[in-house]
C-alpha atoms as a PDB file:
ATOM      1  CA  MET A   1       0.000   0.000   0.000  1.00  0.00           C
ATOM      2  CA  SER A   2       1.319   3.464  -0.847  1.00  0.00           C
ATOM      3  CA  PRO A   3       2.072   6.052   1.897  1.00  0.00           C
ATOM      4  CA  TYR A   4      -0.803   8.137   0.545  1.00  0.00           C
ATOM      5  CA  VAL A   5      -3.314   5.341   1.028  1.00  0.00           C
ATOM      6  CA  ASP A   6      -1.806   4.504   4.445  1.00  0.00           C
ATOM      7  CA  ARG A   7      -2.425   8.059   5.687  1.00  0.00           C
ATOM      8  CA  VAL A   8      -6.006   8.202   4.459  1.00  0.00           C
ATOM      9  CA  VAL A   9      -6.869   4.788   5.897  1.00  0.00           C
ATOM     10  CA  ALA A  10      -5.414   5.847   9.254  1.00  0.00           C
ATOM     11  CA  ARG A  11      -7.651   8.945   9.307  1.00  0.00           C
ATOM     12  CA  ILE A  12     -10.710   6.834   8.540  1.00  0.00           C
ATOM     13  CA  ARG A  13      -9.876   4.437  11.374  1.00  0.00           C
ATOM     14  CA  ASP A  14      -9.451   7.346  13.790  1.00  0.00           C
ATOM     15  CA  ALA A  15     -12.907   8.619  12.828  1.00  0.00           C
ATOM     16  CA  GLU A  16     -14.412   5.159  13.375  1.00  0.00           C
ATOM     17  CA  ASP A  17     -12.806   4.950  16.837  1.00  0.00           C
ATOM     18  CA  GLU A  18     -14.235   8.351  17.738  1.00  0.00           C
ATOM     19  CA  LEU A  19     -17.709   7.248  16.662  1.00  0.00           C
ATOM     20  CA  ALA A  20     -17.433   4.093  18.814  1.00  0.00           C
ATOM     21  CA  ARG A  21     -16.543   6.234  21.839  1.00  0.00           C
ATOM     22  CA  GLU A  22     -19.588   8.421  21.200  1.00  0.00           C
ATOM     23  CA  VAL A  23     -21.854   5.344  21.186  1.00  0.00           C
ATOM     24  CA  GLN A  24     -20.454   4.249  24.554  1.00  0.00           C
ATOM     25  CA  GLU A  25     -21.094   7.701  26.032  1.00  0.00           C
ATOM     26  CA  GLN A  26     -24.659   7.598  24.711  1.00  0.00           C
ATOM     27  CA  GLN A  27     -25.305   4.312  26.495  1.00  0.00           C
ATOM     28  CA  GLN A  28     -24.134   5.768  29.783  1.00  0.00           C
ATOM     29  CA  ARG A  29     -26.108   8.990  29.310  1.00  0.00           C
ATOM     30  CA  TRP A  30     -29.453   7.255  28.695  1.00  0.00           C
ATOM     31  CA  ARG A  31     -28.888   4.289  31.003  1.00  0.00           C
ATOM     32  CA  TYR A  32     -29.029   1.301  28.693  1.00  0.00           C
ATOM     33  CA  ARG A  33     -26.684  -1.504  27.723  1.00  0.00           C
ATOM     34  CA  VAL A  34     -26.462  -3.915  24.804  1.00  0.00           C
ATOM     35  CA  ARG A  35     -25.905  -7.596  25.492  1.00  0.00           C
ATOM     36  CA  ARG A  36     -25.986 -10.337  22.866  1.00  0.00           C
ATOM     37  CA  GLY A  37     -27.822  -8.060  20.467  1.00  0.00           C
ATOM     38  CA  ARG A  38     -30.525  -7.100  22.989  1.00  0.00           C
ATOM     39  CA  ILE A  39     -30.992  -3.674  24.561  1.00  0.00           C
ATOM     40  CA  TRP A  40     -31.663  -3.298  28.275  1.00  0.00           C
ATOM     41  CA  PHE A  41     -32.804  -0.102  29.986  1.00  0.00           C
ATOM     42  CA  ASP A  42     -32.715   0.216  33.732  1.00  0.00           C
ATOM     43  CA  GLU A  43     -36.004   0.218  35.659  1.00  0.00           C
ATOM     44  CA  GLU A  44     -36.191   3.989  36.103  1.00  0.00           C
ATOM     45  CA  ALA A  45     -35.704   4.608  32.384  1.00  0.00           C
ATOM     46  CA  ARG A  46     -38.417   2.071  31.479  1.00  0.00           C
ATOM     47  CA  ARG A  47     -40.928   3.742  33.800  1.00  0.00           C
ATOM     48  CA  ALA A  48     -40.168   7.140  32.272  1.00  0.00           C
ATOM     49  CA  HIS A  49     -40.636   5.747  28.777  1.00  0.00           C
ATOM     50  CA  ASN A  50     -44.026   4.259  29.600  1.00  0.00           C
ATOM     51  CA  GLN A  51     -45.213   7.552  31.073  1.00  0.00           C
ATOM     52  CA  LEU A  52     -44.266   9.427  27.893  1.00  0.00           C
ATOM     53  CA  LYS A  53     -45.915   6.990  25.498  1.00  0.00           C
ATOM     54  CA  GLN A  54     -48.681   8.565  23.408  1.00  0.00           C
ATOM     55  CA  SER A  55     -51.740   6.497  22.524  1.00  0.00           C
ATOM     56  CA  VAL A  56     -52.575   5.839  18.877  1.00  0.00           C
ATOM     57  CA  PRO A  57     -55.884   7.793  19.008  1.00  0.00           C
ATOM     58  CA  ALA A  58     -54.110  10.807  20.526  1.00  0.00           C
ATOM     59  CA  PHE A  59     -51.354  10.527  17.928  1.00  0.00           C
ATOM     60  CA  LEU A  60     -53.886  10.542  15.078  1.00  0.00           C
ATOM     61  CA  ARG A  61     -55.854  13.442  16.553  1.00  0.00           C
ATOM     62  CA  GLU A  62     -52.727  15.588  16.794  1.00  0.00           C
ATOM     63  CA  ALA A  63     -51.274  14.557  13.449  1.00  0.00           C
ATOM     64  CA  SER A  64     -51.215  16.972  10.537  1.00  0.00           C
ATOM     65  CA  VAL A  65     -53.773  16.187   7.834  1.00  0.00           C
ATOM     66  CA  LEU A  66     -51.066  16.660   5.219  1.00  0.00           C
ATOM     67  CA  ASN A  67     -48.844  14.176   7.027  1.00  0.00           C
ATOM     68  CA  LEU A  68     -51.605  11.575   7.013  1.00  0.00           C
ATOM     69  CA  LEU A  69     -52.413  12.156   3.339  1.00  0.00           C
ATOM     70  CA  SER A  70     -48.773  11.780   2.333  1.00  0.00           C
ATOM     71  CA  THR A  71     -48.342   8.440   4.128  1.00  0.00           C
ATOM     72  CA  PRO A  72     -49.270   6.262   1.110  1.00  0.00           C
ATOM     73  CA  ILE A  73     -46.707   8.114  -1.007  1.00  0.00           C
ATOM     74  CA  VAL A  74     -43.996   7.590   1.600  1.00  0.00           C
ATOM     75  CA  TYR A  75     -44.694   3.866   1.899  1.00  0.00           C
ATOM     76  CA  SER A  76     -44.977   3.448  -1.886  1.00  0.00           C
ATOM     77  CA  LEU A  77     -41.169   3.471  -1.949  1.00  0.00           C
ATOM     78  CA  LEU A  78     -41.076   0.120  -0.188  1.00  0.00           C
ATOM     79  CA  LEU A  79     -41.304  -1.940  -3.375  1.00  0.00           C
ATOM     80  CA  PRO A  80     -38.473  -0.092  -5.193  1.00  0.00           C
ATOM     81  CA  LEU A  81     -36.340  -0.385  -2.051  1.00  0.00           C
ATOM     82  CA  LEU A  82     -36.947  -4.137  -1.886  1.00  0.00           C
ATOM     83  CA  LEU A  83     -35.974  -4.513  -5.537  1.00  0.00           C
ATOM     84  CA  LEU A  84     -32.874  -2.360  -5.068  1.00  0.00           C
ATOM     85  CA  ASP A  85     -31.861  -4.397  -2.031  1.00  0.00           C
ATOM     86  CA  LEU A  86     -32.291  -7.662  -3.934  1.00  0.00           C
ATOM     87  CA  TRP A  87     -30.568  -6.587  -7.148  1.00  0.00           C
ATOM     88  CA  ALA A  88     -27.593  -4.972  -5.392  1.00  0.00           C
ATOM     89  CA  THR A  89     -27.072  -8.212  -3.477  1.00  0.00           C
ATOM     90  CA  VAL A  90     -27.207 -10.242  -6.692  1.00  0.00           C
ATOM     91  CA  TYR A  91     -24.797  -7.811  -8.360  1.00  0.00           C
ATOM     92  CA  GLN A  92     -22.107  -7.927  -5.702  1.00  0.00           C
ATOM     93  CA  ARG A  93     -22.336 -11.695  -5.336  1.00  0.00           C
ATOM     94  CA  ALA A  94     -21.940 -12.143  -9.083  1.00  0.00           C
ATOM     95  CA  CYS A  95     -19.309  -9.493  -9.819  1.00  0.00           C
ATOM     96  CA  PHE A  96     -17.192  -8.847  -6.729  1.00  0.00           C
ATOM     97  CA  PRO A  97     -15.589 -12.338  -6.743  1.00  0.00           C
ATOM     98  CA  LEU A  98     -14.490 -11.683 -10.325  1.00  0.00           C
ATOM     99  CA  TYR A  99     -12.638  -8.534  -9.188  1.00  0.00           C
ATOM    100  CA  ASP A 100     -11.358 -10.097  -5.947  1.00  0.00           C
ATOM    101  CA  VAL A 101     -13.304  -7.455  -4.028  1.00  0.00           C
ATOM    102  CA  ALA A 102     -14.679  -8.227  -0.584  1.00  0.00           C
ATOM    103  CA  ARG A 103     -18.470  -8.403  -0.430  1.00  0.00           C
ATOM    104  CA  VAL A 104     -20.284  -5.793   1.622  1.00  0.00           C
ATOM    105  CA  PRO A 105     -21.691  -7.463   4.772  1.00  0.00           C
ATOM    106  CA  ARG A 106     -25.366  -6.624   4.392  1.00  0.00           C
ATOM    107  CA  ARG A 107     -26.313  -7.260   8.012  1.00  0.00           C
ATOM    108  CA  GLN A 108     -24.075  -4.470   9.306  1.00  0.00           C
ATOM    109  CA  TYR A 109     -26.124  -1.831   7.479  1.00  0.00           C
ATOM    110  CA  PHE A 110     -29.502  -2.829   8.898  1.00  0.00           C
ATOM    111  CA  VAL A 111     -29.858  -1.785  12.522  1.00  0.00           C
ATOM    112  CA  ILE A 112     -33.468  -2.452  13.509  1.00  0.00           C
ATOM    113  CA  ASP A 113     -33.940  -1.532  17.159  1.00  0.00           C
ATOM    114  CA  ARG A 114     -35.914   1.705  17.568  1.00  0.00           C
ATOM    115  CA  HIS A 115     -39.251  -0.127  17.504  1.00  0.00           C
ATOM    116  CA  LYS A 116     -38.310  -1.576  20.908  1.00  0.00           C
ATOM    117  CA  LEU A 117     -38.468   1.807  22.651  1.00  0.00           C
ATOM    118  CA  GLY A 118     -41.248   1.909  25.226  1.00  0.00           C
ATOM    119  CA  TYR A 119     -42.254   5.516  24.561  1.00  0.00           C
ATOM    120  CA  LEU A 120     -43.291   4.817  20.950  1.00  0.00           C
ATOM    121  CA  ASN A 121     -46.801   3.732  19.993  1.00  0.00           C
ATOM    122  CA  ALA A 122     -47.635   1.208  17.266  1.00  0.00           C
ATOM    123  CA  ILE A 123     -47.689   3.759  14.421  1.00  0.00           C
ATOM    124  CA  GLU A 124     -44.409   5.322  15.499  1.00  0.00           C
ATOM    125  CA  LYS A 125     -42.812   1.881  15.746  1.00  0.00           C
ATOM    126  CA  ALA A 126     -43.983   1.007  12.233  1.00  0.00           C
ATOM    127  CA  ASN A 127     -42.558   4.272  10.935  1.00  0.00           C
ATOM    128  CA  CYS A 128     -39.252   3.568  12.656  1.00  0.00           C
ATOM    129  CA  LEU A 129     -39.085   0.087  11.164  1.00  0.00           C
ATOM    130  CA  TYR A 130     -39.689   1.470   7.700  1.00  0.00           C
ATOM    131  CA  CYS A 131     -37.148   4.296   8.039  1.00  0.00           C
ATOM    132  CA  SER A 132     -34.520   1.941   9.469  1.00  0.00           C
ATOM    133  CA  TYR A 133     -34.953  -0.437   6.555  1.00  0.00           C
ATOM    134  CA  ALA A 134     -35.011   2.295   3.906  1.00  0.00           C
ATOM    135  CA  ASN A 135     -31.863   3.999   5.170  1.00  0.00           C
ATOM    136  CA  GLY A 136     -30.196   0.630   5.680  1.00  0.00           C
ATOM    137  CA  VAL A 137     -30.811  -0.277   2.031  1.00  0.00           C
ATOM    138  CA  LEU A 138     -29.409   3.034   0.818  1.00  0.00           C
ATOM    139  CA  ALA A 139     -26.324   2.785   3.028  1.00  0.00           C
ATOM    140  CA  TYR A 140     -25.756  -0.817   1.958  1.00  0.00           C
ATOM    141  CA  VAL A 141     -26.091  -0.005  -1.730  1.00  0.00           C
ATOM    142  CA  ARG A 142     -23.933   3.085  -1.341  1.00  0.00           C
ATOM    143  CA  GLU A 143     -21.067   0.989   0.018  1.00  0.00           C
ATOM    144  CA  ILE A 144     -21.444  -1.481  -2.849  1.00  0.00           C
ATOM    145  CA  ALA A 145     -21.320   1.430  -5.295  1.00  0.00           C
ATOM    146  CA  ALA A 146     -18.342   2.957  -3.460  1.00  0.00           C
ATOM    147  CA  ARG A 147     -16.328  -0.252  -3.701  1.00  0.00           C
ATOM    148  CA  THR A 148     -17.205  -0.516  -7.368  1.00  0.00           C
ATOM    149  CA  GLU A 149     -16.072   3.068  -7.931  1.00  0.00           C
ATOM    150  CA  GLN A 150     -12.851   2.494  -5.978  1.00  0.00           C
ATOM    151  CA  TYR A 151     -12.037  -0.455  -8.204  1.00  0.00           C
ATOM    152  CA  TRP A 152     -12.945   1.042 -11.582  1.00  0.00           C
ATOM    153  CA  CYS A 153     -12.563   4.822 -11.277  1.00  0.00           C
ATOM    154  CA  PRO A 154     -11.031   6.072  -7.996  1.00  0.00           C
ATOM    155  CA  ILE A 155     -10.573   9.673  -9.133  1.00  0.00           C
ATOM    156  CA  LYS A 156     -11.922  12.714  -7.305  1.00  0.00           C
ATOM    157  CA  HIS A 157     -14.111  15.162  -9.177  1.00  0.00           C
ATOM    158  CA  ALA A 158     -12.846  18.565 -10.229  1.00  0.00           C
ATOM    159  CA  ARG A 159     -15.502  20.265  -8.112  1.00  0.00           C
ATOM    160  CA  PRO A 160     -16.469  19.588  -4.484  1.00  0.00           C
ATOM    161  CA  ILE A 161     -19.344  17.163  -3.987  1.00  0.00           C
ATOM    162  CA  PRO A 162     -21.654  17.121  -0.959  1.00  0.00           C
ATOM    163  CA  THR A 163     -21.638  14.165   1.428  1.00  0.00           C
ATOM    164  CA  ALA A 164     -19.035  12.093  -0.382  1.00  0.00           C
ATOM    165  CA  HIS A 165     -18.944   8.418   0.597  1.00  0.00           C
ATOM    166  CA  PRO A 166     -16.158   7.420   3.034  1.00  0.00           C
ATOM    167  CA  ARG A 167     -14.014   5.831   0.320  1.00  0.00           C
ATOM    168  CA  TYR A 168     -13.937   9.005  -1.753  1.00  0.00           C
ATOM    169  CA  HIS A 169     -11.050  10.409   0.283  1.00  0.00           C
ATOM    170  CA  LEU A 170      -8.909   7.491  -0.839  1.00  0.00           C
ATOM    171  CA  PHE A 171      -9.275   8.506  -4.469  1.00  0.00           C
ATOM    172  CA  PHE A 172      -6.630  10.224  -6.557  1.00  0.00           C
ATOM    173  CA  ASP A 173      -6.751  13.937  -7.235  1.00  0.00           C
ATOM    174  CA  TYR A 174      -8.387  15.082 -10.431  1.00  0.00           C
ATOM    175  CA  GLY A 175      -5.570  15.379 -12.968  1.00  0.00           C
ATOM    176  CA  ASP A 176      -3.004  13.301 -11.044  1.00  0.00           C
ATOM    177  CA  ALA A 177      -2.208  11.027 -13.977  1.00  0.00           C
ATOM    178  CA  ALA A 178       1.101   9.725 -12.592  1.00  0.00           C
ATOM    179  CA  GLY A 179      -0.370   8.917  -9.180  1.00  0.00           C
ATOM    180  CA  TYR A 180      -3.333   7.153 -10.758  1.00  0.00           C
ATOM    181  CA  ARG A 181      -1.139   4.923 -12.929  1.00  0.00           C
ATOM    182  CA  ARG A 182       1.398   4.267 -10.191  1.00  0.00           C
ATOM    183  CA  HIS A 183      -0.858   3.569  -7.211  1.00  0.00           C
ATOM    184  CA  LEU A 184      -4.076   2.165  -8.721  1.00  0.00           C
ATOM    185  CA  PRO A 185      -3.022  -1.483  -8.179  1.00  0.00           C
ATOM    186  CA  ALA A 186      -2.228  -0.770  -4.516  1.00  0.00           C
ATOM    187  CA  LEU A 187      -5.566   0.948  -3.979  1.00  0.00           C
ATOM    188  CA  ARG A 188      -7.397  -1.988  -5.551  1.00  0.00           C
ATOM    189  CA  LYS A 189      -5.604  -4.392  -3.235  1.00  0.00           C
ATOM    190  CA  THR A 190      -7.248  -2.727  -0.237  1.00  0.00           C
ATOM    191  CA  LEU A 191     -10.565  -4.069  -1.542  1.00  0.00           C
ATOM    192  CA  ARG A 192      -9.486  -7.700  -1.599  1.00  0.00           C
ATOM    193  CA  ARG A 193     -11.677 -10.359  -0.063  1.00  0.00           C
ATOM    194  CA  PRO A 194     -10.672 -11.828   3.283  1.00  0.00           C
ATOM    195  CA  PRO A 195      -9.276 -15.387   3.104  1.00  0.00           C
ATOM    196  CA  SER A 196     -12.574 -16.877   4.313  1.00  0.00           C
ATOM    197  CA  GLN A 197     -14.509 -15.479   1.331  1.00  0.00           C
ATOM    198  CA  ALA A 198     -11.838 -16.519  -1.129  1.00  0.00           C
ATOM    199  CA  ALA A 199     -11.716 -20.031   0.344  1.00  0.00           C
ATOM    200  CA  GLY A 200     -15.492 -20.297   0.204  1.00  0.00           C
ATOM    201  CA  ARG A 201     -15.493 -19.507  -3.489  1.00  0.00           C
ATOM    202  CA  THR A 202     -12.723 -22.042  -4.140  1.00  0.00           C
ATOM    203  CA  ARG A 203     -14.672 -24.788  -2.390  1.00  0.00           C
ATOM    204  CA  HIS A 204     -17.751 -23.891  -4.370  1.00  0.00           C
ATOM    205  CA  VAL A 205     -16.104 -24.406  -7.773  1.00  0.00           C
ATOM    206  CA  GLN A 206     -14.449 -27.683  -6.920  1.00  0.00           C
ATOM    207  CA  PRO A 207     -16.185 -30.769  -8.416  1.00  0.00           C
END
């Protein structure tokens, strides 16, 4: 790996460590813990949540008419999201092994836990489930697209772009022809599959 890529990867890891520390502080602040994938609030927090829960009839009475009318439009995106989720999974399973690129672990991008909060009613929980899935699909597909871009065209744009994906900072500067030719193989190597994935594919093709 080139020194350039080493420096950028180190910055990304530092940012990930900082985010992990923030999650730990959040758990302490709101008095919950996560064990074996389950979330546990202490007794005092659970009582407070139940007291703040709004009933479904009260929720509907206070809801904006425009919000209620727009609900079918919001949920109409579910079918395209399901198709996008399915086709992106098929794409990476078919193509990434050909490029020796590690598959994106789908499960990591779908965090479904807000519906377990005691202060949400049934409608709010359904909304949270839908939003969690929708944003999970988009994040999952974005990472698949980012790995594809890193393999085929890891070059920054001439103009700034908003909310670039995390891999964008690894890319070569616009116009850096020598750096692109010299370091492209090293940058592609950072995408390689772990040994377990490579071994699984080898076993699969054996007669």
